[in-house]
Amino acid sequence: MNVNDLYNKSIAGSGLVVGSNTESITGSFYAIHCLTDCNFTTLNISNLTGSLTGIDIQAGSIIYGRITSVTASNNNSYILYKG
């Protein structure tokens, strides 16, 4: 990864996806930012040891990794950063 790639990621140069409620989203993302307290029923991250599903994650938290699919609980809102 070069400096231009890092810059593009820092400004969300590849785009954003806003997710909410029980909507299932798939794609290639490098971060998820919880706008509300979130509890994910599906959160697939490459090379993750363990699981983040079923855990209450506080609003404002950002999780980094190679994220490929997300489904949250009802009344949850989050932003996925494409990359």
C-alpha atoms as a PDB file:
ATOM      1  CA  MET A   1       0.000   0.000   0.000  1.00  0.00           C
ATOM      2  CA  ASN A   2       1.404   3.386  -0.942  1.00  0.00           C
ATOM      3  CA  VAL A   3       0.789   6.901   0.407  1.00  0.00           C
ATOM      4  CA  ASN A   4      -1.985   7.604  -2.129  1.00  0.00           C
ATOM      5  CA  ASP A   5      -3.843   4.445  -1.058  1.00  0.00           C
ATOM      6  CA  LEU A   6      -3.586   5.463   2.590  1.00  0.00           C
ATOM      7  CA  TYR A   7      -4.813   8.967   1.796  1.00  0.00           C
ATOM      8  CA  ASN A   8      -7.805   7.637  -0.164  1.00  0.00           C
ATOM      9  CA  LYS A   9      -8.759   5.374   2.725  1.00  0.00           C
ATOM     10  CA  SER A  10      -8.421   8.202   5.246  1.00  0.00           C
ATOM     11  CA  ILE A  11     -10.954  10.324   3.317  1.00  0.00           C
ATOM     12  CA  ALA A  12     -13.179   7.375   2.358  1.00  0.00           C
ATOM     13  CA  GLY A  13     -12.155   7.864  -1.263  1.00  0.00           C
ATOM     14  CA  SER A  14     -13.708   4.542  -2.303  1.00  0.00           C
ATOM     15  CA  GLY A  15     -17.073   5.414  -0.801  1.00  0.00           C
ATOM     16  CA  LEU A  16     -19.289   4.652   2.148  1.00  0.00           C
ATOM     17  CA  VAL A  17     -22.309   2.475   2.815  1.00  0.00           C
ATOM     18  CA  VAL A  18     -24.755   3.317   5.603  1.00  0.00           C
ATOM     19  CA  GLY A  19     -26.373   0.301   7.192  1.00  0.00           C
ATOM     20  CA  SER A  20     -29.238   0.102   9.634  1.00  0.00           C
ATOM     21  CA  ASN A  21     -31.483  -2.332  11.433  1.00  0.00           C
ATOM     22  CA  THR A  22     -31.387  -5.956  10.225  1.00  0.00           C
ATOM     23  CA  GLU A  23     -30.266  -5.121   6.665  1.00  0.00           C
ATOM     24  CA  SER A  24     -27.629  -7.568   5.399  1.00  0.00           C
ATOM     25  CA  ILE A  25     -24.726  -5.932   3.533  1.00  0.00           C
ATOM     26  CA  THR A  26     -21.935  -7.672   1.636  1.00  0.00           C
ATOM     27  CA  GLY A  27     -18.893  -6.272  -0.134  1.00  0.00           C
ATOM     28  CA  SER A  28     -15.302  -5.315   0.535  1.00  0.00           C
ATOM     29  CA  PHE A  29     -14.861  -2.899   3.449  1.00  0.00           C
ATOM     30  CA  TYR A  30     -11.927  -1.923   5.658  1.00  0.00           C
ATOM     31  CA  ALA A  31     -13.768  -0.387   8.624  1.00  0.00           C
ATOM     32  CA  ILE A  32     -17.135  -0.193  10.318  1.00  0.00           C
ATOM     33  CA  HIS A  33     -18.117   2.824  12.433  1.00  0.00           C
ATOM     34  CA  CYS A  34     -20.988   2.342  14.891  1.00  0.00           C
ATOM     35  CA  LEU A  35     -23.291   5.381  14.919  1.00  0.00           C
ATOM     36  CA  THR A  36     -25.459   3.844  17.640  1.00  0.00           C
ATOM     37  CA  ASP A  37     -24.699   1.078  20.107  1.00  0.00           C
ATOM     38  CA  CYS A  38     -24.489  -1.974  17.821  1.00  0.00           C
ATOM     39  CA  ASN A  39     -24.937  -5.681  18.299  1.00  0.00           C
ATOM     40  CA  PHE A  40     -24.039  -7.601  15.133  1.00  0.00           C
ATOM     41  CA  THR A  41     -25.653 -10.910  14.280  1.00  0.00           C
ATOM     42  CA  THR A  42     -23.205 -11.339  11.376  1.00  0.00           C
ATOM     43  CA  LEU A  43     -19.784  -9.700  11.152  1.00  0.00           C
ATOM     44  CA  ASN A  44     -17.338 -11.507   8.878  1.00  0.00           C
ATOM     45  CA  ILE A  45     -13.763 -10.216   9.128  1.00  0.00           C
ATOM     46  CA  SER A  46     -10.858 -12.025   7.420  1.00  0.00           C
ATOM     47  CA  ASN A  47      -8.239 -13.457   9.783  1.00  0.00           C
ATOM     48  CA  LEU A  48     -10.284 -12.641  12.896  1.00  0.00           C
ATOM     49  CA  THR A  49      -9.636 -14.993  15.792  1.00  0.00           C
ATOM     50  CA  GLY A  50     -12.807 -15.284  17.841  1.00  0.00           C
ATOM     51  CA  SER A  51     -16.108 -13.559  17.193  1.00  0.00           C
ATOM     52  CA  LEU A  52     -17.597 -10.087  17.598  1.00  0.00           C
ATOM     53  CA  THR A  53     -21.194 -11.226  17.089  1.00  0.00           C
ATOM     54  CA  GLY A  54     -23.591 -10.932  19.994  1.00  0.00           C
ATOM     55  CA  ILE A  55     -21.420  -8.328  21.736  1.00  0.00           C
ATOM     56  CA  ASP A  56     -22.680  -4.817  22.501  1.00  0.00           C
ATOM     57  CA  ILE A  57     -20.295  -2.374  20.785  1.00  0.00           C
ATOM     58  CA  GLN A  58     -20.561   1.248  21.912  1.00  0.00           C
ATOM     59  CA  ALA A  59     -21.615   4.083  19.619  1.00  0.00           C
ATOM     60  CA  GLY A  60     -18.550   5.797  18.179  1.00  0.00           C
ATOM     61  CA  SER A  61     -16.481   2.608  18.047  1.00  0.00           C
ATOM     62  CA  ILE A  62     -14.587   1.826  14.844  1.00  0.00           C
ATOM     63  CA  ILE A  63     -13.560  -1.717  13.942  1.00  0.00           C
ATOM     64  CA  TYR A  64     -10.869  -2.185  11.296  1.00  0.00           C
ATOM     65  CA  GLY A  65     -10.254  -5.265   9.171  1.00  0.00           C
ATOM     66  CA  ARG A  66     -11.166  -6.911   5.880  1.00  0.00           C
ATOM     67  CA  ILE A  67     -14.920  -6.949   6.382  1.00  0.00           C
ATOM     68  CA  THR A  68     -17.009  -8.913   3.875  1.00  0.00           C
ATOM     69  CA  SER A  69     -20.507  -9.093   5.387  1.00  0.00           C
ATOM     70  CA  VAL A  70     -22.490  -7.397   8.132  1.00  0.00           C
ATOM     71  CA  THR A  71     -25.926  -7.801   9.672  1.00  0.00           C
ATOM     72  CA  ALA A  72     -26.854  -5.883  12.810  1.00  0.00           C
ATOM     73  CA  SER A  73     -29.744  -6.002  15.240  1.00  0.00           C
ATOM     74  CA  ASN A  74     -32.851  -3.827  15.031  1.00  0.00           C
ATOM     75  CA  ASN A  75     -32.356  -0.080  15.721  1.00  0.00           C
ATOM     76  CA  ASN A  76     -28.607  -0.217  14.964  1.00  0.00           C
ATOM     77  CA  SER A  77     -26.928   2.236  12.563  1.00  0.00           C
ATOM     78  CA  TYR A  78     -23.390   2.119  11.217  1.00  0.00           C
ATOM     79  CA  ILE A  79     -21.139   3.244   8.352  1.00  0.00           C
ATOM     80  CA  LEU A  80     -19.025   0.843   6.285  1.00  0.00           C
ATOM     81  CA  TYR A  81     -15.915   2.213   4.564  1.00  0.00           C
ATOM     82  CA  LYS A  82     -15.322   0.678   1.133  1.00  0.00           C
ATOM     83  CA  GLY A  83     -11.852  -0.461   0.339  1.00  0.00           C
END
